[in-house]
Amino acid sequence: MASLRHLLFKSSLNLKCHKQISVCQIRSLNLLEYQSKVLLQDNDVCVQKFKIVENPEEAKSLPQNFKVDEYVVKAQILAGGRGLGHFDNGFKGGVHLTKNPSEVTSLVGKMVGHKLITKQTPKDGIMVKKVMVAESVTIKRETYLCIVMDRLHNGPVLIASPCGGMDIESVAEKTPHLVKTVPIDIFEGISEDLAQNIADFLEFKGSMKNKAAIEIQKLWNFFVKVDAVQVEINPLVETDNGAVVSVDAKIQFDDNAKFRQKEIFAVEDHSESDPREVDAAQHNLNYIGMSGNIGCLVNGAGLAMATMDIIKLHGGEPANFLDVGGGVTEKQVYEAFRILTSDQNVKAILVNVFGGIVNCATIANGIINACRSIKLNIPLVVRLEGTNVKEAKRILAESGLPIRSAKDLEDAACKAVDSLPK
């Protein structure tokens, strides 16, 4: 997603538009590749035939109900670079091609139950629990297509390039004329004429142009139907038998539409996620773990970044990014403290809250209840400012708890760093 944002920003410079793109931290639903393919298939987008297996025994039965000329065997983890990765058992590559059904069984056995290490995984890799076995398609040409929500254009844009199967940012940098960025009117959508125009830019010829245009419109309809913020198809291919196929997809969804997309959000696999992030999300909190020792509780992503920066400026290291948001309750403050103190590396906590929508007294009561319930035994520094701050400071002062108040952000950071065990 970051590369797309950068690409859109560079496109804006080409349009002589000098607005900055606003990027904020959000919780994103992550789907495995096969889950994205299921969604596309269910919405009539053309994808390869595929099956999911979880052990070699399941792979043995594939030839009975899944006969193709050539199989693609792909380990399913939430990381890129699988083809060039290696497993903890020494096996090379998380993506393999074979025409031999019995070899599929062998490949699955070497993948499932082993950790795959790529450039995008932790050093010790990610455990493979599922393998996708798909029909291999003979690719005649690879193109790139993406629909993404963009603040700069105040809505969705379509990004297309006849150079697919590679890093789109590199294509934009080296050959910008091969990337087309088209703002889409959310009400009008992608018309037949626009779809034909994009298909032409992607260099589909003859009857293939019409097929490509139809797939482009289907992808737009899918984008709207599932409340996506990004549908990236790389590559969108032309096959030797005259089909236009979405071979690989990256899909991101609008978290605010979870109430409409309950079935989609229900399939999220949390096995690769930080348990603290999953825990926080259940209480509508944003949490990202880091390697430092000062826990940070703030309201707002911008304030979180500023807090982490000033902690580092004064020689400390933040242990996390924890944003309680604007509509925080006392219960959420308690849950935030519980999550912070579950990290044994946290040796001090800094609360930095600016009360706009948030009532500082709510934060103060939440802090006191959390400290007493959890029996907090590490230093706590609190900086509050804004709505009802005088009442909040009175509540903290009369609590009898060893809470260190700070007059401003710099004072708070200095006190947090000074409070660490020497």
Protein backbone atom coordinates (compact mmCIF):
# COMPACT_ATOMS: atom_id res chain seq x y z
CA MET A 1 0.00 0.00 0.00
CA ALA A 2 2.85 2.37 0.82
CA SER A 3 4.29 2.03 -2.68
CA LEU A 4 0.92 2.88 -4.21
CA ARG A 5 0.65 5.97 -2.03
CA HIS A 6 4.11 7.01 -3.16
CA LEU A 7 3.18 6.36 -6.77
CA LEU A 8 0.02 8.45 -6.47
CA PHE A 9 2.01 11.26 -4.88
CA LYS A 10 4.49 11.24 -7.75
CA SER A 11 1.57 11.23 -10.18
CA SER A 12 0.24 14.32 -8.44
CA LEU A 13 3.56 16.08 -9.03
CA ASN A 14 3.25 15.28 -12.72
CA LEU A 15 -0.19 16.93 -12.59
CA LYS A 16 1.45 19.97 -10.91
CA CYS A 17 -0.61 19.40 -7.79
CA HIS A 18 1.34 20.03 -4.60
CA LYS A 19 -1.04 18.74 -1.94
CA GLN A 20 0.34 16.30 0.61
CA ILE A 21 -1.15 12.86 1.09
CA SER A 22 -2.41 12.25 4.62
CA VAL A 23 -1.52 8.80 5.89
CA CYS A 24 -2.86 7.52 9.20
CA GLN A 25 -2.55 4.25 11.05
CA ILE A 26 -5.50 1.91 10.57
CA ARG A 27 -6.20 -1.70 11.36
CA SER A 28 -6.33 -3.58 8.08
CA LEU A 29 -8.05 -6.90 7.44
CA ASN A 30 -5.46 -9.26 6.02
CA LEU A 31 -6.55 -12.15 3.81
CA LEU A 32 -4.47 -15.03 2.55
CA GLU A 33 -4.14 -15.31 -1.23
CA TYR A 34 -6.66 -18.13 -1.54
CA GLN A 35 -9.21 -16.18 0.52
CA SER A 36 -8.91 -13.25 -1.90
CA LYS A 37 -9.35 -15.66 -4.81
CA VAL A 38 -12.51 -17.09 -3.24
CA LEU A 39 -13.98 -13.59 -2.95
CA LEU A 40 -13.10 -12.71 -6.54
CA GLN A 41 -14.46 -16.02 -7.82
CA ASP A 42 -17.70 -15.56 -5.88
CA ASN A 43 -18.08 -12.16 -7.56
CA ASP A 44 -17.65 -13.52 -11.10
CA VAL A 45 -14.08 -12.27 -11.59
CA CYS A 46 -12.03 -14.70 -13.67
CA VAL A 47 -9.38 -16.50 -11.58
CA GLN A 48 -7.51 -19.80 -11.89
CA LYS A 49 -9.12 -22.99 -10.67
CA PHE A 50 -7.68 -23.90 -7.26
CA LYS A 51 -7.97 -26.10 -4.19
CA ILE A 52 -6.73 -25.69 -0.61
CA VAL A 53 -5.00 -28.54 1.21
CA GLU A 54 -3.76 -28.72 4.80
CA ASN A 55 -1.81 -31.98 4.71
CA PRO A 56 -0.29 -34.49 2.25
CA GLU A 57 -3.25 -36.86 2.64
CA GLU A 58 -5.59 -34.22 1.21
CA ALA A 59 -3.10 -33.62 -1.61
CA LYS A 60 -3.20 -37.33 -2.55
CA SER A 61 -6.90 -37.09 -3.39
CA LEU A 62 -6.50 -34.08 -5.69
CA PRO A 63 -6.09 -36.02 -8.99
CA GLN A 64 -9.55 -37.52 -8.47
CA ASN A 65 -11.43 -34.22 -8.55
CA PHE A 66 -8.89 -31.66 -9.70
CA LYS A 67 -7.22 -32.67 -12.96
CA VAL A 68 -5.18 -30.02 -14.78
CA ASP A 69 -2.22 -30.09 -17.13
CA GLU A 70 0.10 -28.34 -14.68
CA TYR A 71 -0.19 -27.47 -10.99
CA VAL A 72 1.04 -24.39 -9.11
CA VAL A 73 1.74 -25.23 -5.47
CA LYS A 74 1.88 -22.12 -3.26
CA ALA A 75 2.43 -21.85 0.49
CA GLN A 76 -0.16 -19.59 2.10
CA ILE A 77 1.25 -16.97 4.48
CA LEU A 78 0.76 -13.21 4.82
CA ALA A 79 4.06 -12.25 3.22
CA GLY A 80 5.50 -11.60 -0.20
CA GLY A 81 8.59 -13.11 -1.82
CA ARG A 82 7.40 -16.67 -1.22
CA GLY A 83 8.89 -18.02 -4.43
CA LEU A 84 12.40 -16.96 -3.39
CA GLY A 85 11.97 -17.98 0.24
CA HIS A 86 13.18 -21.09 2.04
CA PHE A 87 11.80 -23.34 4.79
CA ASP A 88 13.25 -24.18 8.19
CA ASN A 89 13.71 -27.77 6.96
CA GLY A 90 16.02 -26.58 4.16
CA PHE A 91 13.45 -26.87 1.37
CA LYS A 92 13.79 -24.04 -1.16
CA GLY A 93 10.90 -21.98 -2.50
CA GLY A 94 7.31 -21.47 -1.37
CA VAL A 95 6.00 -21.63 -4.96
CA HIS A 96 6.52 -24.62 -7.29
CA LEU A 97 5.25 -25.86 -10.65
CA THR A 98 4.71 -29.50 -11.48
CA LYS A 99 2.80 -31.66 -13.97
CA ASN A 100 3.06 -34.72 -11.73
CA PRO A 101 0.12 -35.11 -9.28
CA SER A 102 2.22 -37.33 -6.97
CA GLU A 103 4.82 -34.57 -6.71
CA VAL A 104 2.10 -32.24 -5.41
CA THR A 105 1.78 -34.53 -2.39
CA SER A 106 5.52 -34.41 -1.80
CA LEU A 107 5.65 -30.62 -2.14
CA VAL A 108 2.76 -30.14 0.29
CA GLY A 109 4.53 -32.38 2.81
CA LYS A 110 7.66 -30.22 2.62
CA MET A 111 5.65 -27.01 3.19
CA VAL A 112 2.87 -27.68 5.69
CA GLY A 113 4.03 -27.63 9.30
CA HIS A 114 7.26 -25.82 8.46
CA LYS A 115 8.21 -22.16 8.71
CA LEU A 116 8.73 -20.23 5.48
CA ILE A 117 11.35 -17.48 5.61
CA THR A 118 11.23 -14.62 3.08
CA LYS A 119 12.42 -11.02 2.96
CA GLN A 120 9.07 -9.96 4.41
CA THR A 121 8.79 -12.44 7.31
CA PRO A 122 10.38 -12.39 10.77
CA LYS A 123 13.85 -13.94 10.89
CA ASP A 124 12.54 -17.30 12.03
CA GLY A 125 9.77 -17.31 9.40
CA ILE A 126 6.03 -17.98 9.49
CA MET A 127 4.42 -21.37 9.96
CA VAL A 128 2.65 -22.70 6.85
CA LYS A 129 -0.72 -24.25 7.69
CA LYS A 130 -2.35 -24.24 4.27
CA VAL A 131 -1.16 -24.71 0.69
CA MET A 132 -3.02 -23.57 -2.41
CA VAL A 133 -2.85 -25.92 -5.38
CA ALA A 134 -3.96 -24.04 -8.49
CA GLU A 135 -4.17 -24.60 -12.20
CA SER A 136 -1.13 -23.23 -13.95
CA VAL A 137 -2.07 -20.90 -16.79
CA THR A 138 0.17 -20.27 -19.77
CA ILE A 139 0.71 -16.53 -19.65
CA LYS A 140 0.98 -14.70 -22.94
CA ARG A 141 1.18 -11.20 -21.40
CA GLU A 142 1.16 -9.67 -17.90
CA THR A 143 -0.47 -6.33 -17.07
CA TYR A 144 -1.14 -4.37 -13.88
CA LEU A 145 -4.46 -3.04 -12.61
CA CYS A 146 -5.35 -1.46 -9.28
CA ILE A 147 -8.33 0.42 -7.86
CA VAL A 148 -7.46 2.27 -4.66
CA MET A 149 -8.98 4.98 -2.46
CA ASP A 150 -6.77 8.05 -2.48
CA ARG A 151 -7.09 11.20 -0.34
CA LEU A 152 -5.28 13.29 -2.94
CA HIS A 153 -8.02 12.65 -5.49
CA ASN A 154 -10.73 12.60 -2.82
CA GLY A 155 -11.97 9.19 -3.90
CA PRO A 156 -11.07 6.07 -5.86
CA VAL A 157 -8.49 6.04 -8.63
CA LEU A 158 -7.61 3.38 -11.16
CA ILE A 159 -3.93 2.70 -11.83
CA ALA A 160 -3.05 0.67 -14.91
CA SER A 161 0.11 -0.42 -16.66
CA PRO A 162 0.86 -2.81 -19.55
CA CYS A 163 3.94 -3.84 -17.52
CA GLY A 164 2.57 -6.28 -14.94
CA GLY A 165 4.17 -8.92 -12.77
CA MET A 166 6.71 -6.46 -11.36
CA ASP A 167 7.05 -3.64 -8.84
CA ILE A 168 4.71 -0.91 -10.09
CA GLU A 169 6.73 1.79 -8.32
CA SER A 170 9.82 0.83 -10.33
CA VAL A 171 7.78 0.96 -13.53
CA ALA A 172 6.53 4.45 -12.63
CA GLU A 173 10.04 5.63 -11.84
CA LYS A 174 11.76 4.27 -14.93
CA THR A 175 8.95 4.46 -17.50
CA PRO A 176 6.24 6.85 -16.19
CA HIS A 177 4.48 6.89 -19.58
CA LEU A 178 3.58 3.24 -18.99
CA VAL A 179 1.45 4.07 -15.94
CA LYS A 180 -2.01 5.60 -16.26
CA THR A 181 -3.79 7.06 -13.20
CA VAL A 182 -7.50 7.79 -13.67
CA PRO A 183 -9.75 9.30 -10.95
CA ILE A 184 -13.11 7.50 -10.77
CA ASP A 185 -16.38 9.23 -9.94
CA ILE A 186 -17.77 7.09 -7.12
CA PHE A 187 -21.33 7.56 -8.42
CA GLU A 188 -20.62 7.01 -12.11
CA GLY A 189 -18.12 4.20 -11.62
CA ILE A 190 -16.19 2.68 -14.52
CA SER A 191 -18.24 3.08 -17.67
CA GLU A 192 -17.97 0.78 -20.68
CA ASP A 193 -16.10 3.50 -22.61
CA LEU A 194 -13.59 4.00 -19.79
CA ALA A 195 -13.10 0.25 -19.41
CA GLN A 196 -12.43 -0.02 -23.14
CA ASN A 197 -9.98 2.86 -22.91
CA ILE A 198 -8.10 1.19 -20.06
CA ALA A 199 -8.08 -2.16 -21.87
CA ASP A 200 -6.62 -0.41 -24.90
CA PHE A 201 -3.90 1.20 -22.74
CA LEU A 202 -3.12 -2.25 -21.35
CA GLU A 203 -2.55 -3.33 -24.98
CA PHE A 204 -5.31 -5.92 -25.23
CA LYS A 205 -6.19 -6.39 -28.92
CA GLY A 206 -9.25 -7.53 -30.84
CA SER A 207 -11.69 -9.68 -28.88
CA MET A 208 -9.27 -9.68 -25.93
CA LYS A 209 -9.92 -5.97 -25.51
CA ASN A 210 -13.62 -6.58 -24.86
CA LYS A 211 -12.84 -9.41 -22.44
CA ALA A 212 -10.39 -7.20 -20.54
CA ALA A 213 -12.91 -4.34 -20.39
CA ILE A 214 -15.52 -6.68 -18.91
CA GLU A 215 -13.07 -7.89 -16.26
CA ILE A 216 -12.16 -4.30 -15.39
CA GLN A 217 -15.83 -3.47 -14.81
CA LYS A 218 -16.29 -6.63 -12.74
CA LEU A 219 -13.34 -5.60 -10.56
CA TRP A 220 -14.92 -2.16 -10.05
CA ASN A 221 -18.24 -3.73 -9.06
CA PHE A 222 -16.37 -6.00 -6.65
CA PHE A 223 -14.47 -3.02 -5.19
CA VAL A 224 -17.73 -1.23 -4.39
CA LYS A 225 -19.66 -4.30 -3.22
CA VAL A 226 -17.11 -5.38 -0.58
CA ASP A 227 -16.25 -1.84 0.64
CA ALA A 228 -12.64 -2.22 -0.47
CA VAL A 229 -10.05 0.52 -0.19
CA GLN A 230 -7.64 -1.34 -2.49
CA VAL A 231 -7.98 -4.08 -5.09
CA GLU A 232 -4.60 -4.66 -6.71
CA ILE A 233 -4.30 -7.27 -9.46
CA ASN A 234 -0.69 -8.00 -10.32
CA PRO A 235 -0.62 -9.57 -12.76
CA LEU A 236 -3.83 -9.33 -14.77
CA VAL A 237 -2.87 -11.70 -17.56
CA GLU A 238 -3.76 -12.68 -21.09
CA THR A 239 -3.48 -16.45 -21.47
CA ASP A 240 -2.60 -18.52 -24.52
CA ASN A 241 -6.18 -19.81 -24.73
CA GLY A 242 -7.71 -16.34 -24.92
CA ALA A 243 -8.73 -15.64 -21.30
CA VAL A 244 -8.14 -12.59 -19.08
CA VAL A 245 -7.30 -13.87 -15.60
CA SER A 246 -6.59 -12.20 -12.26
CA VAL A 247 -3.63 -14.34 -11.22
CA ASP A 248 -2.69 -12.62 -7.96
CA ALA A 249 -4.65 -10.15 -5.86
CA LYS A 250 -4.09 -7.88 -2.87
CA ILE A 251 -7.32 -6.66 -1.29
CA GLN A 252 -7.76 -4.24 1.61
CA PHE A 253 -11.08 -3.33 3.19
CA ASP A 254 -12.61 -0.32 4.93
CA ASP A 255 -12.64 -1.13 8.65
CA ASN A 256 -15.59 1.23 9.09
CA ALA A 257 -17.68 -1.08 6.88
CA LYS A 258 -17.17 -4.11 9.10
CA PHE A 259 -20.83 -4.02 10.12
CA ARG A 260 -21.79 -4.48 6.44
CA GLN A 261 -19.09 -7.03 5.62
CA LYS A 262 -19.36 -9.36 8.62
CA GLU A 263 -18.84 -12.52 6.55
CA ILE A 264 -15.62 -11.21 5.03
CA PHE A 265 -14.16 -9.98 8.34
CA ALA A 266 -15.11 -13.27 9.99
CA VAL A 267 -12.64 -15.23 7.83
CA GLU A 268 -9.58 -13.24 8.96
CA ASP A 269 -6.78 -15.54 10.11
CA HIS A 270 -5.19 -14.13 13.28
CA SER A 271 -2.57 -16.86 13.61
CA GLU A 272 0.16 -14.64 12.14
CA SER A 273 -0.85 -11.50 14.04
CA ASP A 274 0.63 -10.15 17.27
CA PRO A 275 -1.83 -11.39 19.95
CA ARG A 276 -1.70 -7.96 21.58
CA GLU A 277 -2.86 -6.32 18.35
CA VAL A 278 -5.73 -8.79 18.08
CA ASP A 279 -6.61 -8.21 21.73
CA ALA A 280 -6.56 -4.43 21.26
CA ALA A 281 -8.70 -4.57 18.13
CA GLN A 282 -11.40 -6.42 20.07
CA HIS A 283 -11.68 -3.36 22.32
CA ASN A 284 -11.51 -0.90 19.42
CA LEU A 285 -7.95 0.14 20.23
CA ASN A 286 -5.02 0.56 17.84
CA TYR A 287 -1.89 -1.21 19.09
CA ILE A 288 1.47 -1.84 17.46
CA GLY A 289 4.23 -3.50 19.47
CA MET A 290 7.81 -2.16 19.37
CA SER A 291 11.09 -3.11 21.00
CA GLY A 292 11.48 -0.36 23.64
CA ASN A 293 10.58 -0.16 27.33
CA ILE A 294 8.27 2.88 27.67
CA GLY A 295 4.61 2.06 27.08
CA CYS A 296 2.69 4.85 25.34
CA LEU A 297 -1.04 5.50 25.72
CA VAL A 298 -2.32 8.38 23.59
CA ASN A 299 -5.40 9.52 21.69
CA GLY A 300 -4.72 10.12 18.02
CA ALA A 301 -2.16 8.77 15.57
CA GLY A 302 -0.40 12.13 15.18
CA LEU A 303 0.00 12.49 18.93
CA ALA A 304 1.29 8.91 19.11
CA MET A 305 4.00 9.66 16.53
CA ALA A 306 4.98 12.89 18.31
CA THR A 307 5.12 11.06 21.67
CA MET A 308 7.34 8.31 20.30
CA ASP A 309 9.63 10.84 18.63
CA ILE A 310 10.13 12.94 21.77
CA ILE A 311 10.78 9.84 23.87
CA LYS A 312 13.57 8.89 21.49
CA LEU A 313 14.83 12.49 21.43
CA HIS A 314 15.40 12.27 25.18
CA GLY A 315 17.18 8.93 24.99
CA GLY A 316 14.27 6.54 25.58
CA GLU A 317 12.73 3.83 23.44
CA PRO A 318 8.95 3.46 22.95
CA ALA A 319 7.58 -0.02 23.59
CA ASN A 320 4.46 0.43 21.53
CA PHE A 321 2.02 2.61 19.64
CA LEU A 322 -1.34 2.51 21.47
CA ASP A 323 -4.07 4.88 20.31
CA VAL A 324 -7.30 4.83 22.32
CA GLY A 325 -9.09 7.08 19.81
CA GLY A 326 -11.56 9.89 20.31
CA GLY A 327 -14.54 8.12 21.87
CA VAL A 328 -12.60 6.30 24.58
CA THR A 329 -14.37 4.98 27.70
CA GLU A 330 -13.04 4.15 31.17
CA LYS A 331 -13.30 0.45 30.26
CA GLN A 332 -11.09 0.97 27.21
CA VAL A 333 -8.50 2.79 29.33
CA TYR A 334 -8.42 -0.24 31.63
CA GLU A 335 -7.99 -2.61 28.67
CA ALA A 336 -5.22 -0.39 27.29
CA PHE A 337 -3.32 -0.55 30.60
CA ARG A 338 -3.84 -4.32 30.75
CA ILE A 339 -2.36 -4.75 27.27
CA LEU A 340 0.54 -2.40 28.00
CA THR A 341 1.51 -4.20 31.20
CA SER A 342 1.27 -7.62 29.52
CA ASP A 343 4.56 -6.71 27.82
CA GLN A 344 7.32 -7.61 30.29
CA ASN A 345 9.67 -5.19 28.53
CA VAL A 346 7.56 -2.22 29.61
CA LYS A 347 9.31 -0.57 32.59
CA ALA A 348 7.36 2.72 32.59
CA ILE A 349 4.14 4.08 31.10
CA LEU A 350 3.55 7.49 29.58
CA VAL A 351 -0.03 8.69 29.11
CA ASN A 352 -0.28 11.65 26.75
CA VAL A 353 -3.84 12.77 26.04
CA PHE A 354 -5.18 15.94 24.47
CA GLY A 355 -8.87 16.20 25.31
CA GLY A 356 -10.84 17.46 22.37
CA ILE A 357 -13.65 15.00 21.93
CA VAL A 358 -12.17 13.07 24.84
CA ASN A 359 -13.08 14.21 28.36
CA CYS A 360 -9.86 14.26 30.39
CA ALA A 361 -11.83 13.30 33.53
CA THR A 362 -12.85 10.07 31.79
CA ILE A 363 -9.18 9.31 31.14
CA ALA A 364 -8.26 10.15 34.75
CA ASN A 365 -10.93 7.86 36.20
CA GLY A 366 -9.91 5.12 33.79
CA ILE A 367 -6.26 5.46 34.83
CA ILE A 368 -7.08 5.23 38.54
CA ASN A 369 -9.36 2.21 38.12
CA ALA A 370 -6.77 0.48 35.94
CA CYS A 371 -3.90 1.15 38.35
CA ARG A 372 -5.89 -0.28 41.26
CA SER A 373 -7.29 -3.27 39.38
CA ILE A 374 -3.99 -4.24 37.77
CA LYS A 375 -1.96 -3.23 40.86
CA LEU A 376 0.42 -1.26 38.68
CA ASN A 377 3.96 -1.45 40.06
CA ILE A 378 5.91 0.46 37.41
CA PRO A 379 6.33 4.26 37.07
CA LEU A 380 3.43 6.13 35.47
CA VAL A 381 3.73 9.61 33.96
CA VAL A 382 0.57 11.43 32.86
CA ARG A 383 0.22 14.52 30.72
CA LEU A 384 -3.36 15.71 30.17
CA GLU A 385 -4.55 18.81 28.35
CA GLY A 386 -7.86 20.05 26.97
CA THR A 387 -11.48 19.34 27.88
CA ASN A 388 -12.13 19.20 31.66
CA VAL A 389 -8.42 19.02 32.41
CA LYS A 390 -8.67 20.77 35.82
CA GLU A 391 -11.13 18.18 37.07
CA ALA A 392 -8.93 15.40 35.68
CA LYS A 393 -5.86 16.72 37.49
CA ARG A 394 -7.85 16.97 40.73
CA ILE A 395 -8.97 13.34 40.37
CA LEU A 396 -5.39 12.18 39.86
CA ALA A 397 -4.00 14.30 42.70
CA GLU A 398 -6.59 13.02 45.20
CA SER A 399 -6.22 9.37 44.18
CA GLY A 400 -3.31 8.73 46.50
CA LEU A 401 -1.54 6.84 43.73
CA PRO A 402 2.14 7.50 42.82
CA ILE A 403 1.30 9.16 39.50
CA ARG A 404 3.77 11.74 38.18
CA SER A 405 2.00 14.62 36.40
CA ALA A 406 3.69 16.48 33.57
CA LYS A 407 3.08 20.07 32.49
CA ASP A 408 3.76 19.46 28.79
CA LEU A 409 4.90 16.81 26.34
CA GLU A 410 8.63 17.44 26.76
CA ASP A 411 8.32 17.34 30.53
CA ALA A 412 6.38 14.08 30.24
CA ALA A 413 9.03 12.47 28.03
CA CYS A 414 11.86 13.56 30.34
CA LYS A 415 10.07 12.18 33.42
CA ALA A 416 9.25 8.90 31.68
CA VAL A 417 12.88 8.37 30.62
CA ASP A 418 14.20 9.41 34.06
CA SER A 419 11.84 6.97 35.78
CA LEU A 420 13.35 3.93 34.06
CA PRO A 421 15.41 1.54 36.21
CA LYS A 422 19.06 2.50 36.06
